[in-house]
Amino acid sequence: LQCSSTCAGGFQRRVVVCQDENGYTADDCDEKTKPMEQRSCESGPCPQWAYGNWGECTKPCGAGTRTRLVVCQR
């Protein structure tokens, strides 16, 4: 099954049932040998915002603006 997250902290689940040789539900399986129903999964760290320093103001006085580079990266 698909991972619940595309980055850190996801998990996968599957159904595990006890069946006889004909595929019918049974109740005499050994619980100690039951396969896991859930496992962790991830595909690396989650993206984060990276940003530079603020640039110069566009005006020496009044209502100027300052900008900076902001990117989303892994």
N, C-alpha and C. Protein backbone atom coordinates (compact mmCIF):
# COMPACT_ATOMS: atom_id res chain seq x y z
N LEU A 1 0.83 -1.20 0.00
CA LEU A 1 0.00 0.00 0.00
C LEU A 1 0.86 1.25 0.00
N GLN A 2 0.26 2.37 -0.38
CA GLN A 2 0.97 3.63 -0.47
C GLN A 2 1.31 4.17 0.92
N CYS A 3 2.44 4.85 1.01
CA CYS A 3 2.86 5.47 2.27
C CYS A 3 1.91 6.63 2.59
N SER A 4 1.63 6.85 3.89
CA SER A 4 0.70 7.91 4.28
C SER A 4 1.32 9.29 4.20
N SER A 5 2.63 9.37 3.96
CA SER A 5 3.31 10.65 3.86
C SER A 5 4.38 10.59 2.78
N THR A 6 4.60 11.71 2.09
CA THR A 6 5.64 11.74 1.07
C THR A 6 7.00 12.10 1.67
N CYS A 7 7.02 12.37 2.97
CA CYS A 7 8.29 12.64 3.65
C CYS A 7 8.21 12.07 5.06
N ALA A 8 9.09 12.49 5.92
CA ALA A 8 9.27 11.88 7.25
C ALA A 8 7.97 11.59 8.01
N GLY A 9 7.95 10.44 8.69
CA GLY A 9 6.87 10.12 9.61
C GLY A 9 5.67 9.39 9.04
N GLY A 10 5.77 8.81 7.85
CA GLY A 10 4.63 8.11 7.28
C GLY A 10 4.56 6.65 7.73
N PHE A 11 3.46 5.98 7.37
CA PHE A 11 3.32 4.56 7.66
C PHE A 11 2.49 3.88 6.59
N GLN A 12 2.64 2.57 6.50
CA GLN A 12 1.86 1.74 5.59
C GLN A 12 1.10 0.72 6.42
N ARG A 13 -0.11 0.38 5.99
CA ARG A 13 -0.93 -0.63 6.68
C ARG A 13 -1.34 -1.70 5.68
N ARG A 14 -1.56 -2.89 6.17
CA ARG A 14 -2.08 -3.98 5.35
C ARG A 14 -2.96 -4.85 6.23
N VAL A 15 -3.86 -5.60 5.60
CA VAL A 15 -4.77 -6.49 6.32
C VAL A 15 -4.10 -7.86 6.46
N VAL A 16 -4.09 -8.40 7.66
CA VAL A 16 -3.55 -9.73 7.92
C VAL A 16 -4.67 -10.57 8.53
N VAL A 17 -5.08 -11.64 7.83
CA VAL A 17 -6.16 -12.50 8.33
C VAL A 17 -5.70 -13.95 8.37
N CYS A 18 -6.34 -14.73 9.20
CA CYS A 18 -6.05 -16.16 9.32
C CYS A 18 -7.02 -16.92 8.40
N GLN A 19 -6.45 -17.72 7.47
CA GLN A 19 -7.28 -18.49 6.54
C GLN A 19 -6.80 -19.94 6.49
N ASP A 20 -7.72 -20.84 6.13
CA ASP A 20 -7.33 -22.23 5.92
C ASP A 20 -6.82 -22.41 4.48
N GLU A 21 -6.47 -23.64 4.10
CA GLU A 21 -5.89 -23.89 2.78
C GLU A 21 -6.85 -23.59 1.63
N ASN A 22 -8.15 -23.47 1.92
CA ASN A 22 -9.14 -23.15 0.89
C ASN A 22 -9.46 -21.66 0.83
N GLY A 23 -8.80 -20.86 1.67
CA GLY A 23 -9.03 -19.43 1.67
C GLY A 23 -10.18 -18.97 2.55
N TYR A 24 -10.71 -19.89 3.37
CA TYR A 24 -11.80 -19.52 4.28
C TYR A 24 -11.23 -19.03 5.62
N THR A 25 -11.97 -18.12 6.26
CA THR A 25 -11.54 -17.58 7.55
C THR A 25 -11.40 -18.70 8.57
N ALA A 26 -10.29 -18.68 9.29
CA ALA A 26 -10.02 -19.67 10.34
C ALA A 26 -9.61 -18.93 11.61
N ASP A 27 -9.57 -19.65 12.72
CA ASP A 27 -9.19 -18.99 13.98
C ASP A 27 -8.11 -19.77 14.73
N ASP A 28 -7.41 -20.66 14.05
CA ASP A 28 -6.40 -21.47 14.75
C ASP A 28 -4.97 -21.12 14.33
N CYS A 29 -4.75 -19.90 13.78
CA CYS A 29 -3.39 -19.48 13.45
C CYS A 29 -2.62 -19.16 14.73
N ASP A 30 -1.31 -19.33 14.68
CA ASP A 30 -0.45 -19.02 15.82
C ASP A 30 -0.23 -17.51 15.87
N GLU A 31 -0.71 -16.87 16.92
CA GLU A 31 -0.59 -15.42 17.05
C GLU A 31 0.87 -14.96 17.08
N LYS A 32 1.77 -15.82 17.56
CA LYS A 32 3.18 -15.44 17.66
C LYS A 32 3.83 -15.29 16.28
N THR A 33 3.27 -15.90 15.25
CA THR A 33 3.84 -15.82 13.90
C THR A 33 3.08 -14.85 13.00
N LYS A 34 2.13 -14.11 13.57
CA LYS A 34 1.33 -13.17 12.77
C LYS A 34 2.22 -12.07 12.20
N PRO A 35 2.19 -11.84 10.87
CA PRO A 35 2.98 -10.78 10.26
C PRO A 35 2.51 -9.39 10.72
N MET A 36 3.40 -8.42 10.64
CA MET A 36 3.06 -7.05 11.03
C MET A 36 1.97 -6.48 10.13
N GLU A 37 1.07 -5.70 10.73
CA GLU A 37 0.00 -5.04 9.96
C GLU A 37 0.36 -3.61 9.61
N GLN A 38 1.37 -3.04 10.26
CA GLN A 38 1.75 -1.66 10.00
C GLN A 38 3.26 -1.53 10.07
N ARG A 39 3.84 -0.68 9.21
CA ARG A 39 5.28 -0.41 9.26
C ARG A 39 5.54 1.05 8.88
N SER A 40 6.66 1.55 9.36
CA SER A 40 7.05 2.92 9.05
C SER A 40 7.54 3.00 7.62
N CYS A 41 7.37 4.17 7.02
CA CYS A 41 7.88 4.41 5.68
C CYS A 41 8.05 5.91 5.51
N GLU A 42 9.02 6.30 4.75
CA GLU A 42 9.23 7.70 4.45
C GLU A 42 10.16 7.81 3.26
N SER A 43 10.16 8.95 2.63
CA SER A 43 11.04 9.15 1.48
C SER A 43 11.94 10.36 1.72
N GLY A 44 12.56 10.41 2.88
CA GLY A 44 13.48 11.50 3.19
C GLY A 44 12.83 12.61 3.98
N PRO A 45 13.60 13.66 4.26
CA PRO A 45 13.09 14.76 5.08
C PRO A 45 12.03 15.58 4.34
N CYS A 46 11.17 16.24 5.11
CA CYS A 46 10.14 17.10 4.52
C CYS A 46 10.78 18.40 4.01
N PRO A 47 10.22 18.98 2.95
CA PRO A 47 10.73 20.26 2.43
C PRO A 47 10.63 21.35 3.50
N GLN A 48 11.51 22.34 3.40
CA GLN A 48 11.49 23.47 4.33
C GLN A 48 11.70 24.76 3.54
N TRP A 49 11.26 25.87 4.14
CA TRP A 49 11.50 27.18 3.54
C TRP A 49 12.94 27.60 3.79
N ALA A 50 13.62 28.02 2.73
CA ALA A 50 14.96 28.59 2.84
C ALA A 50 14.87 30.03 2.36
N TYR A 51 15.55 30.94 3.04
CA TYR A 51 15.41 32.35 2.68
C TYR A 51 16.71 33.11 2.91
N GLY A 52 16.89 34.16 2.11
CA GLY A 52 18.08 34.98 2.20
C GLY A 52 17.85 36.20 3.07
N ASN A 53 18.85 37.08 3.07
CA ASN A 53 18.76 38.32 3.84
C ASN A 53 17.87 39.33 3.11
N TRP A 54 17.32 40.26 3.88
CA TRP A 54 16.52 41.32 3.28
C TRP A 54 17.41 42.21 2.44
N GLY A 55 16.92 42.62 1.28
CA GLY A 55 17.65 43.52 0.39
C GLY A 55 17.52 44.96 0.82
N GLU A 56 18.09 45.84 0.04
CA GLU A 56 18.01 47.28 0.32
C GLU A 56 16.58 47.78 0.14
N CYS A 57 16.25 48.84 0.86
CA CYS A 57 14.95 49.48 0.71
C CYS A 57 14.88 50.18 -0.65
N THR A 58 13.70 50.16 -1.27
CA THR A 58 13.55 50.75 -2.61
C THR A 58 13.46 52.27 -2.57
N LYS A 59 13.31 52.86 -1.39
CA LYS A 59 13.23 54.32 -1.27
C LYS A 59 14.06 54.77 -0.06
N PRO A 60 14.66 55.95 -0.15
CA PRO A 60 15.44 56.45 0.99
C PRO A 60 14.55 56.96 2.12
N CYS A 61 13.27 57.22 1.83
CA CYS A 61 12.33 57.64 2.88
C CYS A 61 10.92 57.29 2.41
N GLY A 62 9.94 57.39 3.29
CA GLY A 62 8.56 57.07 2.91
C GLY A 62 8.31 55.57 2.87
N ALA A 63 7.35 55.18 2.03
CA ALA A 63 6.88 53.79 2.00
C ALA A 63 7.62 52.95 0.96
N GLY A 64 8.84 52.59 1.24
CA GLY A 64 9.59 51.71 0.36
C GLY A 64 9.34 50.25 0.72
N THR A 65 9.95 49.34 -0.04
CA THR A 65 9.83 47.91 0.24
C THR A 65 11.20 47.26 0.21
N ARG A 66 11.30 46.17 0.95
CA ARG A 66 12.51 45.35 0.93
C ARG A 66 12.11 43.94 0.53
N THR A 67 12.91 43.27 -0.22
CA THR A 67 12.58 41.91 -0.66
C THR A 67 13.72 40.96 -0.30
N ARG A 68 13.41 39.68 -0.32
CA ARG A 68 14.41 38.64 -0.10
C ARG A 68 13.99 37.40 -0.87
N LEU A 69 14.93 36.55 -1.19
CA LEU A 69 14.65 35.30 -1.89
C LEU A 69 14.10 34.27 -0.91
N VAL A 70 12.98 33.65 -1.26
CA VAL A 70 12.38 32.60 -0.43
C VAL A 70 12.07 31.42 -1.34
N VAL A 71 12.64 30.25 -1.04
CA VAL A 71 12.40 29.05 -1.84
C VAL A 71 12.06 27.87 -0.95
N CYS A 72 11.28 26.95 -1.49
CA CYS A 72 10.95 25.71 -0.79
C CYS A 72 11.91 24.63 -1.31
N GLN A 73 12.66 24.01 -0.42
CA GLN A 73 13.61 22.99 -0.86
C GLN A 73 13.74 21.86 0.15
N ARG A 74 14.18 20.70 -0.35
CA ARG A 74 14.42 19.56 0.52
C ARG A 74 15.72 19.70 1.25
